[in-house]
N, C-alpha and C. Protein backbone atom coordinates (compact mmCIF):
# COMPACT_ATOMS: atom_id res chain seq x y z
N MET A 1 141.87 99.44 41.13
CA MET A 1 142.34 100.28 40.37
C MET A 1 140.98 100.43 39.54
N SER A 2 141.09 101.68 39.14
CA SER A 2 140.32 102.51 38.73
C SER A 2 140.10 103.03 37.10
N LEU A 3 139.09 102.95 36.42
CA LEU A 3 138.93 102.35 34.72
C LEU A 3 139.35 103.25 34.29
N GLU A 4 139.72 103.24 33.41
CA GLU A 4 140.22 104.18 32.11
C GLU A 4 138.73 105.47 31.30
N ALA A 5 139.47 106.29 31.32
CA ALA A 5 137.96 107.49 30.79
C ALA A 5 137.62 106.53 29.40
N PRO A 6 136.34 106.56 29.45
CA PRO A 6 135.03 106.49 28.18
C PRO A 6 136.40 106.79 26.77
N ILE A 7 136.23 106.00 25.91
CA ILE A 7 136.64 105.99 24.30
C ILE A 7 135.70 106.39 23.57
N VAL A 8 135.56 107.36 23.22
CA VAL A 8 134.06 108.26 22.27
C VAL A 8 134.97 108.20 21.06
N THR A 9 133.74 107.66 20.16
CA THR A 9 133.59 108.07 18.09
C THR A 9 132.41 107.42 17.95
N TRP A 10 132.32 108.16 16.52
CA TRP A 10 131.18 108.54 15.60
C TRP A 10 131.21 107.82 14.49
N TYR A 11 130.31 106.77 14.53
CA TYR A 11 130.55 105.92 12.88
C TYR A 11 129.06 106.37 12.22
N ASN A 12 129.30 106.09 11.07
CA ASN A 12 128.22 105.98 10.04
C ASN A 12 127.14 104.85 10.76
N GLY A 13 125.76 105.55 11.01
CA GLY A 13 124.80 104.23 11.14
C GLY A 13 123.94 103.53 9.96
N GLU A 14 124.43 104.27 8.64
CA GLU A 14 123.34 103.56 7.88
C GLU A 14 124.26 103.54 6.35
N SER A 15 124.37 102.98 5.33
CA SER A 15 125.21 103.26 4.41
C SER A 15 125.22 104.46 3.71
N PHE A 16 125.90 104.79 2.79
CA PHE A 16 126.10 106.07 2.22
C PHE A 16 126.82 105.91 0.91
N LYS A 17 126.82 106.86 -0.12
CA LYS A 17 128.05 106.82 -0.90
C LYS A 17 128.92 108.09 -0.70
N ASP A 18 130.12 107.91 -0.74
CA ASP A 18 131.11 108.84 -0.93
C ASP A 18 130.90 109.57 -1.91
N ILE A 19 132.45 110.83 -2.45
CA ILE A 19 132.37 111.09 -3.37
C ILE A 19 132.72 111.02 -4.59
N ASN A 20 133.13 109.47 -4.67
CA ASN A 20 133.45 108.85 -5.47
C ASN A 20 132.39 107.51 -6.10
N ASP A 21 131.32 107.54 -5.38
CA ASP A 21 130.26 106.53 -5.55
C ASP A 21 130.55 105.37 -4.97
N ASN A 22 131.36 105.80 -4.18
CA ASN A 22 131.70 104.00 -3.50
C ASN A 22 130.26 103.78 -2.15
N VAL A 23 129.82 102.81 -1.90
CA VAL A 23 128.82 102.33 -1.36
C VAL A 23 129.98 102.00 0.17
N ILE A 24 129.56 102.80 1.24
CA ILE A 24 130.53 102.67 2.77
C ILE A 24 129.23 102.31 3.29
N PRO A 25 129.12 100.87 3.75
CA PRO A 25 128.43 100.36 4.69
C PRO A 25 128.44 100.50 5.64
N PRO A 26 127.02 99.90 6.82
CA PRO A 26 127.06 100.80 8.37
C PRO A 26 128.21 100.36 9.08
N ASN A 27 128.55 101.01 10.24
CA ASN A 27 129.52 100.74 10.83
C ASN A 27 130.95 101.00 10.91
N THR A 28 131.49 101.25 9.34
CA THR A 28 132.58 100.86 9.29
C THR A 28 133.47 102.74 8.92
N GLN A 29 132.83 102.96 8.55
CA GLN A 29 134.03 104.88 8.85
C GLN A 29 133.37 105.52 9.63
N GLU A 30 134.42 106.01 10.65
CA GLU A 30 134.59 107.42 11.42
C GLU A 30 133.91 108.35 11.14
N MET A 31 133.25 109.14 11.65
CA MET A 31 132.65 110.08 11.20
C MET A 31 132.88 111.52 12.45
N ILE A 32 133.96 112.66 11.24
CA ILE A 32 134.30 113.87 12.16
C ILE A 32 133.62 114.89 12.39
N SER A 33 132.27 114.68 11.63
CA SER A 33 131.55 115.89 10.85
C SER A 33 130.28 115.44 10.23
N TRP A 34 129.26 116.29 10.24
CA TRP A 34 128.23 115.66 9.23
C TRP A 34 127.88 117.19 8.98
N ASN A 35 127.70 116.61 7.72
CA ASN A 35 127.45 117.80 6.20
C ASN A 35 126.05 117.35 6.03
N ALA A 36 124.98 118.57 6.42
CA ALA A 36 123.58 118.14 6.13
C ALA A 36 123.41 118.50 4.69
N GLY A 37 124.38 119.19 3.75
CA GLY A 37 123.79 119.09 2.30
C GLY A 37 123.33 120.74 2.65
N ILE A 38 122.42 120.62 1.42
CA ILE A 38 122.17 122.10 0.93
C ILE A 38 120.86 122.04 0.83
N ILE A 39 120.11 123.01 1.76
CA ILE A 39 118.44 122.69 2.02
C ILE A 39 118.11 124.23 1.62
N ASP A 40 116.90 123.77 1.15
CA ASP A 40 116.06 125.25 1.05
C ASP A 40 115.60 125.75 2.54
N ALA A 41 114.73 126.74 2.14
CA ALA A 41 114.75 128.13 3.36
C ALA A 41 112.82 126.88 3.20
N GLY A 42 112.55 126.39 4.87
CA GLY A 42 111.04 125.84 4.85
C GLY A 42 111.46 124.86 5.05
N SER A 43 112.63 123.96 4.46
CA SER A 43 112.53 122.68 4.53
C SER A 43 113.97 121.73 5.19
N ALA A 44 113.80 120.04 5.07
CA ALA A 44 114.66 119.81 6.68
C ALA A 44 115.54 119.16 5.26
N SER A 45 116.32 118.78 6.25
CA SER A 45 117.51 117.67 5.61
C SER A 45 117.53 116.34 5.38
N ARG A 46 116.42 115.91 6.07
CA ARG A 46 115.64 114.57 5.85
C ARG A 46 114.21 114.99 6.35
N SER A 47 114.08 113.43 5.83
CA SER A 47 112.25 113.55 6.45
C SER A 47 111.68 113.13 7.41
N ALA A 48 110.65 113.68 7.82
CA ALA A 48 110.65 113.44 9.93
C ALA A 48 110.23 111.68 9.57
N ASN A 49 110.30 110.72 8.37
CA ASN A 49 109.65 109.49 8.68
C ASN A 49 110.75 108.56 8.80
N VAL A 50 111.07 108.02 9.83
CA VAL A 50 112.34 107.44 10.06
C VAL A 50 112.59 106.30 9.14
N ASN A 51 111.48 105.21 8.55
CA ASN A 51 111.30 104.04 7.25
C ASN A 51 112.02 104.88 6.30
N GLU A 52 111.89 106.17 5.72
CA GLU A 52 113.30 106.75 4.82
C GLU A 52 113.94 106.65 4.89
N PRO A 53 114.84 106.43 3.68
CA PRO A 53 116.37 106.34 3.98
C PRO A 53 117.12 107.55 4.35
N ASP A 54 118.05 107.37 4.68
CA ASP A 54 118.74 109.17 4.97
C ASP A 54 119.29 109.46 3.33
N PRO A 55 119.77 110.74 3.04
CA PRO A 55 119.79 110.86 1.75
C PRO A 55 121.00 110.83 1.66
N GLU A 56 121.42 109.98 0.23
CA GLU A 56 122.65 109.28 -0.24
C GLU A 56 123.92 109.45 -0.46
N TYR A 57 124.09 110.98 -0.55
CA TYR A 57 125.36 111.52 -0.47
C TYR A 57 125.40 111.82 1.52
N TYR A 58 124.57 112.42 2.27
CA TYR A 58 124.50 112.97 3.17
C TYR A 58 123.88 112.04 4.32
N PRO A 59 124.66 111.18 4.78
CA PRO A 59 124.37 110.34 6.53
C PRO A 59 124.32 111.66 6.84
N CYS A 60 123.00 110.44 8.02
CA CYS A 60 122.28 111.51 8.91
C CYS A 60 122.36 110.75 9.94
N THR A 61 122.56 109.28 10.20
CA THR A 61 122.37 108.08 11.03
C THR A 61 123.84 107.81 11.47
N PHE A 62 124.08 108.19 12.87
CA PHE A 62 125.28 108.05 13.42
C PHE A 62 125.09 107.17 14.65
N LEU A 63 126.10 106.35 14.59
CA LEU A 63 126.48 105.34 15.85
C LEU A 63 127.35 106.14 16.61
N ILE A 64 127.11 106.54 18.03
CA ILE A 64 128.20 107.09 19.28
C ILE A 64 128.74 105.64 20.14
N TRP A 65 129.96 105.57 20.19
CA TRP A 65 130.19 103.97 20.28
C TRP A 65 131.44 104.84 21.80
N ASN A 66 131.23 104.19 22.65
CA ASN A 66 132.03 103.68 23.76
C ASN A 66 132.52 102.90 23.46
N ASN A 67 134.07 102.92 23.44
CA ASN A 67 134.86 101.47 23.25
C ASN A 67 134.94 100.51 22.16
N ARG A 68 134.63 101.37 21.26
CA ARG A 68 134.17 100.29 19.83
C ARG A 68 135.64 99.16 20.22
N GLY A 69 134.83 98.34 19.52
CA GLY A 69 136.08 97.15 19.74
C GLY A 69 136.94 96.66 20.54
N GLY A 70 136.66 97.23 21.92
CA GLY A 70 137.66 97.25 22.80
C GLY A 70 137.92 95.69 23.35
N ASN A 71 139.05 95.75 23.98
CA ASN A 71 139.37 94.25 24.38
C ASN A 71 139.63 94.50 26.06
N THR A 72 139.35 95.70 26.51
CA THR A 72 139.53 96.58 27.79
C THR A 72 138.38 97.06 28.32
N ARG A 73 138.13 96.69 29.23
CA ARG A 73 137.18 97.71 29.47
C ARG A 73 137.44 99.03 30.08
N VAL A 74 136.31 99.55 30.13
CA VAL A 74 136.82 101.55 30.03
C VAL A 74 135.49 101.94 30.99
N SER A 75 135.24 102.98 31.50
CA SER A 75 134.36 103.53 32.22
C SER A 75 133.40 103.84 31.27
N SER A 76 132.44 103.62 31.55
CA SER A 76 130.73 103.99 30.99
C SER A 76 130.53 105.21 31.42
N MET A 77 129.87 106.06 29.90
CA MET A 77 129.32 107.57 30.00
C MET A 77 128.20 107.42 30.54
N LEU A 78 128.41 108.40 32.12
CA LEU A 78 126.81 108.29 32.29
C LEU A 78 126.27 109.54 31.94
N SER A 79 124.93 109.66 32.75
CA SER A 79 124.09 111.01 32.53
C SER A 79 124.76 111.92 30.99
N THR A 80 124.71 110.58 29.80
CA THR A 80 124.82 111.50 28.92
C THR A 80 123.95 111.93 28.16
N GLN A 81 123.99 113.08 27.34
CA GLN A 81 122.81 113.95 26.72
C GLN A 81 123.58 114.81 25.40
N ILE A 82 122.54 115.15 24.51
CA ILE A 82 123.35 115.67 23.35
C ILE A 82 122.86 117.11 23.40
N SER A 83 123.71 117.98 22.70
CA SER A 83 122.90 119.77 22.48
C SER A 83 123.86 119.89 21.79
N THR A 84 123.29 121.35 20.85
CA THR A 84 124.06 122.11 20.01
C THR A 84 124.97 123.42 20.46
N LEU A 85 125.74 123.93 20.58
CA LEU A 85 126.27 125.38 20.46
C LEU A 85 126.64 125.68 19.33
N SER A 86 127.31 126.78 19.53
CA SER A 86 127.51 127.75 18.97
C SER A 86 129.00 127.76 17.89
N LEU A 87 129.25 127.96 16.65
CA LEU A 87 130.76 127.82 16.23
C LEU A 87 130.55 128.96 15.07
N VAL A 88 131.38 129.93 15.85
CA VAL A 88 131.63 131.03 15.17
C VAL A 88 132.77 131.23 14.58
N ARG A 89 133.66 131.77 13.61
CA ARG A 89 134.73 131.78 12.89
C ARG A 89 135.26 133.40 12.93
N THR A 90 136.79 133.51 12.99
CA THR A 90 137.03 134.79 13.28
C THR A 90 137.24 135.17 11.53
N SER A 91 138.54 136.48 11.34
CA SER A 91 138.30 136.92 9.86
C SER A 91 139.32 135.84 9.03
N GLN A 92 140.56 134.84 9.90
CA GLN A 92 140.78 134.34 9.27
C GLN A 92 140.59 133.17 9.03
N GLY A 93 139.38 132.44 9.55
CA GLY A 93 138.40 131.52 9.35
C GLY A 93 138.81 130.44 10.38
N ASP A 94 139.47 130.88 11.40
CA ASP A 94 139.27 130.09 13.03
C ASP A 94 138.47 130.56 13.75
N ILE A 95 138.34 128.65 14.50
CA ILE A 95 136.83 128.82 15.43
C ILE A 95 137.68 129.75 16.30
N ASP A 96 136.64 131.05 16.65
CA ASP A 96 136.60 131.81 17.86
C ASP A 96 136.51 131.50 19.35
N PRO A 97 137.18 131.69 20.06
CA PRO A 97 136.82 130.50 21.34
C PRO A 97 136.16 131.14 22.45
N VAL A 98 135.66 132.67 22.14
CA VAL A 98 135.14 133.62 22.82
C VAL A 98 133.99 133.35 22.40
N ASN A 99 133.53 133.23 21.42
CA ASN A 99 132.20 133.24 21.31
C ASN A 99 131.20 132.50 20.71
N SER A 100 132.48 131.42 20.37
CA SER A 100 131.92 129.51 20.34
C SER A 100 131.73 128.88 21.42
N TYR A 101 130.87 128.33 21.33
CA TYR A 101 130.67 127.31 22.60
C TYR A 101 130.01 127.33 23.22
N LYS A 102 128.59 128.40 23.12
CA LYS A 102 127.67 129.05 23.67
C LYS A 102 126.62 128.27 22.85
N PRO A 103 125.30 128.42 24.08
CA PRO A 103 123.88 127.71 23.32
C PRO A 103 123.13 129.32 22.74
N GLU A 104 123.84 129.27 21.80
CA GLU A 104 123.15 130.61 21.14
C GLU A 104 123.60 130.72 19.34
N GLY A 105 122.93 131.48 18.72
CA GLY A 105 123.59 131.66 17.26
C GLY A 105 122.48 130.96 16.44
N VAL A 106 122.82 130.74 15.24
CA VAL A 106 122.07 130.36 14.28
C VAL A 106 121.56 129.32 14.19
N VAL A 107 122.12 128.19 14.36
CA VAL A 107 121.30 127.34 14.69
C VAL A 107 121.14 126.57 16.51
N ALA A 108 121.89 127.35 17.09
CA ALA A 108 122.26 126.27 18.55
C ALA A 108 121.41 127.44 19.35
N GLY A 109 121.48 128.43 18.98
CA GLY A 109 120.08 129.67 19.82
C GLY A 109 118.35 129.26 19.69
N GLY A 110 118.00 129.83 20.91
CA GLY A 110 116.43 129.11 21.39
C GLY A 110 115.76 130.10 20.04
N GLN A 111 114.57 129.46 19.88
CA GLN A 111 113.51 130.17 18.90
C GLN A 111 113.39 131.81 19.30
N THR A 112 113.78 132.52 20.52
CA THR A 112 113.47 134.07 20.13
C THR A 112 115.24 134.52 19.63
N ASP A 113 116.34 133.85 19.56
CA ASP A 113 117.54 134.23 19.08
C ASP A 113 116.95 135.03 18.40
N PRO A 114 117.83 136.23 17.81
CA PRO A 114 117.31 137.03 16.42
C PRO A 114 118.27 136.69 14.76
N GLN A 115 119.38 136.20 15.69
CA GLN A 115 120.07 135.30 14.69
C GLN A 115 119.43 133.58 14.39
N LYS A 116 118.48 133.02 15.11
CA LYS A 116 118.30 132.21 14.61
C LYS A 116 117.74 131.75 13.07
N ARG A 117 118.30 130.72 12.40
CA ARG A 117 117.98 130.36 11.11
C ARG A 117 117.86 128.87 10.83
N ALA A 118 118.19 127.81 12.09
CA ALA A 118 118.02 126.58 11.50
C ALA A 118 117.87 125.70 13.22
N SER A 119 117.06 124.61 13.27
CA SER A 119 117.61 123.96 14.38
C SER A 119 117.55 122.65 14.21
N VAL A 120 118.63 121.98 14.66
CA VAL A 120 119.06 120.14 14.94
C VAL A 120 117.60 119.64 15.78
N GLU A 121 117.16 118.73 14.77
CA GLU A 121 116.45 117.56 15.70
C GLU A 121 117.03 116.11 16.05
N VAL A 122 116.24 115.66 17.24
CA VAL A 122 117.27 114.17 16.95
C VAL A 122 116.32 113.07 17.36
N ILE A 123 116.48 111.52 16.90
CA ILE A 123 115.38 110.70 17.36
C ILE A 123 116.56 109.43 17.75
N PHE A 124 116.27 108.60 18.92
CA PHE A 124 116.66 107.35 18.69
C PHE A 124 116.55 106.17 18.70
N TYR A 125 117.38 105.23 18.29
CA TYR A 125 116.69 103.69 17.88
C TYR A 125 116.97 102.63 19.49
N ASP A 126 115.73 102.66 19.83
CA ASP A 126 115.83 101.24 20.62
C ASP A 126 115.79 99.86 20.05
N SER A 127 116.78 98.89 20.42
CA SER A 127 116.56 97.99 19.84
C SER A 127 115.79 97.03 20.58
N VAL A 128 115.46 97.12 21.55
CA VAL A 128 114.57 96.16 22.47
C VAL A 128 112.87 96.32 22.35
N LYS A 129 113.13 97.99 22.57
CA LYS A 129 111.67 98.22 21.55
C LYS A 129 111.05 98.07 20.44
N GLY A 130 112.23 97.90 19.74
CA GLY A 130 111.92 98.24 18.05
C GLY A 130 111.69 99.25 17.55
N GLN A 131 111.79 100.52 18.21
CA GLN A 131 111.22 101.67 17.56
C GLN A 131 112.25 102.73 18.35
N TRP A 132 111.84 103.69 17.24
CA TRP A 132 112.84 104.92 17.26
C TRP A 132 111.87 106.12 18.12
N GLY A 133 112.49 107.27 19.27
CA GLY A 133 111.75 107.55 19.99
C GLY A 133 113.16 108.71 20.53
N THR A 134 112.28 109.37 21.13
CA THR A 134 112.97 109.95 22.75
C THR A 134 112.26 109.97 23.58
N PHE A 135 112.93 110.70 24.96
CA PHE A 135 112.33 110.43 25.96
C PHE A 135 112.54 112.31 26.34
N ASN A 136 111.11 112.75 26.82
CA ASN A 136 110.84 113.99 26.57
C ASN A 136 111.81 114.71 28.47
N GLN A 137 111.50 115.80 28.85
CA GLN A 137 112.23 116.16 29.89
C GLN A 137 111.65 115.68 31.05
N ALA A 138 110.15 115.03 31.28
CA ALA A 138 109.70 115.35 32.36
C ALA A 138 110.40 112.78 32.48
N GLY A 139 110.91 112.61 31.32
CA GLY A 139 111.17 110.92 31.29
C GLY A 139 110.66 110.11 30.60
N THR A 140 109.42 110.36 30.20
CA THR A 140 108.82 109.68 29.30
C THR A 140 109.41 109.52 27.96
N TRP A 141 109.24 108.10 27.33
CA TRP A 141 109.65 107.67 26.24
C TRP A 141 108.25 108.41 25.67
N ARG A 142 109.07 108.89 23.92
CA ARG A 142 107.92 109.14 23.22
C ARG A 142 107.61 108.55 21.83
N PRO A 143 107.48 107.38 21.20
CA PRO A 143 107.81 107.00 20.27
C PRO A 143 107.74 107.78 18.67
N ASN A 144 108.44 107.46 18.12
CA ASN A 144 108.26 108.45 17.01
C ASN A 144 108.37 109.86 16.93
N GLU A 145 108.64 110.50 17.87
CA GLU A 145 108.95 111.77 17.97
C GLU A 145 110.72 112.27 18.07
N TRP A 146 110.24 113.25 17.18
CA TRP A 146 111.96 114.34 17.40
C TRP A 146 112.11 114.78 18.59
N ALA A 147 113.46 115.60 18.62
CA ALA A 147 113.44 115.92 19.83
C ALA A 147 114.31 117.25 19.54
N THR A 148 114.51 118.46 19.44
CA THR A 148 115.00 119.84 19.24
C THR A 148 115.98 119.76 20.41
N ILE A 149 117.00 120.14 19.66
CA ILE A 149 118.26 120.61 20.80
C ILE A 149 119.19 121.52 20.35
N GLU A 150 118.29 123.10 21.03
CA GLU A 150 118.50 124.11 21.02
C GLU A 150 118.65 125.33 22.10
N GLY A 151 119.08 126.52 22.17
CA GLY A 151 118.56 127.11 23.21
C GLY A 151 119.06 126.49 24.72
N GLY A 152 120.49 125.88 24.94
CA GLY A 152 120.65 125.19 26.05
C GLY A 152 120.04 123.92 26.60
N VAL A 153 118.64 123.77 25.34
CA VAL A 153 118.01 122.47 26.22
C VAL A 153 118.87 121.09 25.64
N LYS A 154 119.60 120.18 26.54
CA LYS A 154 119.80 119.04 26.33
C LYS A 154 118.98 117.74 26.37
N VAL A 155 119.10 116.99 25.04
CA VAL A 155 118.23 115.73 25.18
C VAL A 155 119.11 114.62 25.68
N ASP A 156 118.38 113.66 26.24
CA ASP A 156 118.89 112.45 26.84
C ASP A 156 118.98 111.51 25.76
N VAL A 157 120.50 110.80 26.12
CA VAL A 157 120.71 109.80 24.82
C VAL A 157 120.57 108.73 25.15
N VAL A 158 120.16 107.68 24.24
CA VAL A 158 120.00 106.24 24.43
C VAL A 158 120.89 105.57 23.89
N SER A 159 120.85 104.56 24.79
CA SER A 159 121.55 103.28 24.26
C SER A 159 120.61 102.50 22.84
N ALA A 160 121.68 102.13 21.86
CA ALA A 160 120.87 101.27 21.81
C ALA A 160 119.88 100.10 21.98
N SER A 161 120.83 99.75 23.11
CA SER A 161 119.75 98.31 24.20
C SER A 161 119.03 99.19 24.62
N GLY A 162 118.55 100.58 24.41
CA GLY A 162 117.46 101.24 25.47
C GLY A 162 117.54 101.52 26.47
N VAL A 163 118.88 101.43 27.36
CA VAL A 163 119.03 102.53 28.46
C VAL A 163 119.10 103.88 28.18
N LYS A 164 118.46 104.62 29.11
CA LYS A 164 118.94 105.88 29.24
C LYS A 164 119.74 106.36 29.68
N ASN A 165 120.89 107.56 28.81
CA ASN A 165 121.89 107.97 29.59
C ASN A 165 123.51 107.43 29.93
N VAL A 166 122.95 106.11 29.18
CA VAL A 166 124.57 105.74 29.98
C VAL A 166 124.95 104.74 28.79
N ILE A 167 126.17 104.89 28.52
CA ILE A 167 126.57 104.36 26.99
C ILE A 167 127.96 103.49 27.58
N SER A 168 127.89 101.95 27.54
CA SER A 168 128.84 101.28 28.31
C SER A 168 129.63 101.48 27.75
N GLY A 169 130.80 101.10 28.82
CA GLY A 169 132.42 100.62 28.35
C GLY A 169 132.81 99.52 28.28
N ASN A 170 131.99 98.18 28.06
CA ASN A 170 132.45 96.84 28.37
C ASN A 170 132.98 96.71 27.17
N VAL A 171 134.04 95.32 27.47
CA VAL A 171 134.73 95.02 26.61
C VAL A 171 133.40 94.33 25.24
N ASN A 172 133.72 94.54 23.97
CA ASN A 172 133.20 94.53 22.67
C ASN A 172 133.63 94.32 21.73
N ASP A 173 133.14 93.78 20.60
CA ASP A 173 134.15 93.46 19.13
C ASP A 173 133.39 94.09 18.28
N GLY A 174 132.67 95.04 18.59
CA GLY A 174 133.04 96.13 17.50
C GLY A 174 131.66 96.22 16.71
N SER A 175 131.03 95.44 16.70
CA SER A 175 129.56 95.20 15.78
C SER A 175 128.62 95.88 16.15
N LEU A 176 127.30 95.42 15.47
CA LEU A 176 125.99 96.04 15.94
C LEU A 176 125.07 95.45 17.04
N SER A 177 126.01 93.99 17.02
CA SER A 177 125.44 93.35 18.51
C SER A 177 125.46 93.67 19.56
N ALA A 178 126.84 94.79 19.63
CA ALA A 178 126.88 95.34 20.89
C ALA A 178 126.37 96.38 21.11
N THR A 179 124.94 96.19 21.41
CA THR A 179 123.78 97.29 21.72
C THR A 179 124.09 98.19 23.00
N ALA A 180 125.09 97.64 23.80
CA ALA A 180 124.77 98.70 24.87
C ALA A 180 125.63 99.58 24.99
N ASN A 181 127.03 99.39 23.88
CA ASN A 181 128.61 99.92 23.69
C ASN A 181 127.52 101.62 22.64
N TYR A 182 126.70 101.44 21.90
CA TYR A 182 126.57 102.66 21.28
C TYR A 182 125.37 103.33 21.14
N SER A 183 124.73 104.03 20.67
CA SER A 183 123.72 104.53 20.37
C SER A 183 123.38 105.18 19.14
N LYS A 184 122.53 104.79 18.80
CA LYS A 184 122.35 105.20 17.52
C LYS A 184 121.34 106.52 17.20
N VAL A 185 121.88 107.24 17.03
CA VAL A 185 120.86 108.05 16.15
C VAL A 185 120.89 108.97 15.14
N LYS A 186 119.65 109.38 14.44
CA LYS A 186 119.32 110.07 13.49
C LYS A 186 119.36 111.39 13.99
N MET A 187 120.11 112.66 12.96
CA MET A 187 119.58 114.41 13.29
C MET A 187 119.28 114.23 11.99
N ARG A 188 118.69 115.36 11.86
CA ARG A 188 117.83 116.31 10.89
C ARG A 188 118.30 117.79 10.90
N LEU A 189 118.25 118.73 9.97
CA LEU A 189 118.44 119.69 10.34
C LEU A 189 116.63 120.43 9.58
N VAL A 190 116.46 121.47 10.27
CA VAL A 190 115.20 122.19 9.82
C VAL A 190 115.24 123.89 10.06
N VAL A 191 115.27 124.01 8.59
CA VAL A 191 115.40 125.80 8.44
C VAL A 191 114.61 126.28 8.37
N ARG A 192 114.77 127.37 8.76
CA ARG A 192 113.24 128.18 9.14
C ARG A 192 113.19 129.07 7.96
N GLN A 193 111.74 129.32 7.88
CA GLN A 193 111.29 130.23 6.82
C GLN A 193 111.54 131.01 6.24
N ASN A 194 111.70 132.12 5.09
CA ASN A 194 112.55 133.27 4.83
C ASN A 194 114.14 133.44 5.24
N VAL A 195 114.69 132.46 5.36
CA VAL A 195 116.27 132.91 5.84
C VAL A 195 116.68 132.97 4.67
N GLN A 196 118.01 133.91 4.86
CA GLN A 196 119.03 133.87 3.01
C GLN A 196 119.69 133.10 3.50
N ALA A 197 120.22 132.96 1.84
CA ALA A 197 121.15 131.46 1.91
C ALA A 197 122.30 132.02 2.73
N GLY A 198 122.94 130.93 2.77
CA GLY A 198 124.56 130.73 3.17
C GLY A 198 124.71 129.53 4.02
N LYS A 199 126.22 129.83 4.19
CA LYS A 199 126.72 128.17 5.03
C LYS A 199 126.52 128.57 6.62
N VAL A 200 125.71 127.28 7.61
CA VAL A 200 125.67 127.20 8.83
C VAL A 200 126.67 126.42 9.42
N GLU A 201 127.53 126.88 10.48
CA GLU A 201 127.96 125.44 11.52
C GLU A 201 127.57 126.14 12.46
N TRP A 202 127.65 124.90 13.43
CA TRP A 202 127.48 125.04 14.46
C TRP A 202 128.26 123.28 15.33
N PHE A 203 128.37 123.13 16.34
CA PHE A 203 128.96 122.68 17.27
C PHE A 203 127.78 121.42 17.53
N THR A 204 127.75 119.89 17.28
CA THR A 204 126.87 118.88 18.28
C THR A 204 127.49 118.60 19.13
N ARG A 205 127.13 118.34 20.50
CA ARG A 205 128.12 118.08 21.43
C ARG A 205 127.41 117.08 22.37
N VAL A 206 127.65 115.34 22.45
CA VAL A 206 127.58 114.84 23.39
C VAL A 206 128.10 114.90 24.92
N SER A 207 127.76 115.36 25.79
CA SER A 207 128.04 115.68 27.00
C SER A 207 127.75 114.21 27.94
N TYR A 208 128.76 113.52 28.82
CA TYR A 208 128.98 112.70 29.64
C TYR A 208 129.78 113.18 31.40
N ASN A 209 129.71 112.10 31.89
CA ASN A 209 130.14 112.02 33.49
C ASN A 209 130.75 110.59 33.27
N TYR A 210 131.85 110.42 33.79
CA TYR A 210 131.82 109.10 34.36
C TYR A 210 132.68 109.11 35.74
N ASP A 211 132.82 107.43 36.71
CA ASP A 211 133.34 107.80 38.02
C ASP A 211 134.48 106.77 37.98
N GLY A 212 134.62 106.20 36.74
CA GLY A 212 135.84 105.23 36.78
C GLY A 212 135.45 103.76 37.60
N ILE A 213 134.29 103.50 37.87
CA ILE A 213 134.09 102.50 38.58
C ILE A 213 133.26 101.62 37.84
N ASN A 214 132.06 102.05 37.03
CA ASN A 214 130.83 101.60 36.39
C ASN A 214 130.98 101.24 35.02
């Protein structure tokens, strides 16, 4: 009998304050979007120093869970990577399915994209090494180095247990000790110099495969 598909959810990876100044502890609120806040041209939504906390009202550390708190095993997420894609709206404010979901535009576009205004950078936590870092395209771990996801470039996701490209679907209690079942990632939006003010939107996408066996 094959395993069910992965059950993917995103939760807050650090505490933050909501609009009512309530403190939300880590791993307690499901996150359906990332509001990077108001960012000046030539600056970023958070510091590149991972030892500094997230902005108080703009959480940017996330736990990408598979089967959070599940009492039945599901398929593991395999070949797991993260990227950005375009989000374009129609004149009515709806998502334009023709021009969205592409590696182009104000955030997802490459460095030479004429629409380019900002880039998303990511970094993952490996609890075994006790380090934040990323794998480069050659598969080498780079401690304390952020990776840019743009222009169709996908970055390998690392589980909190230090496994590259795999997030386990094993039974777990949903606590932070279940490190094989989630990836802990920080994200920051880096805005270009001399860009005009305005709202920018994009999709952050985690892609994966599963085989129903592992």
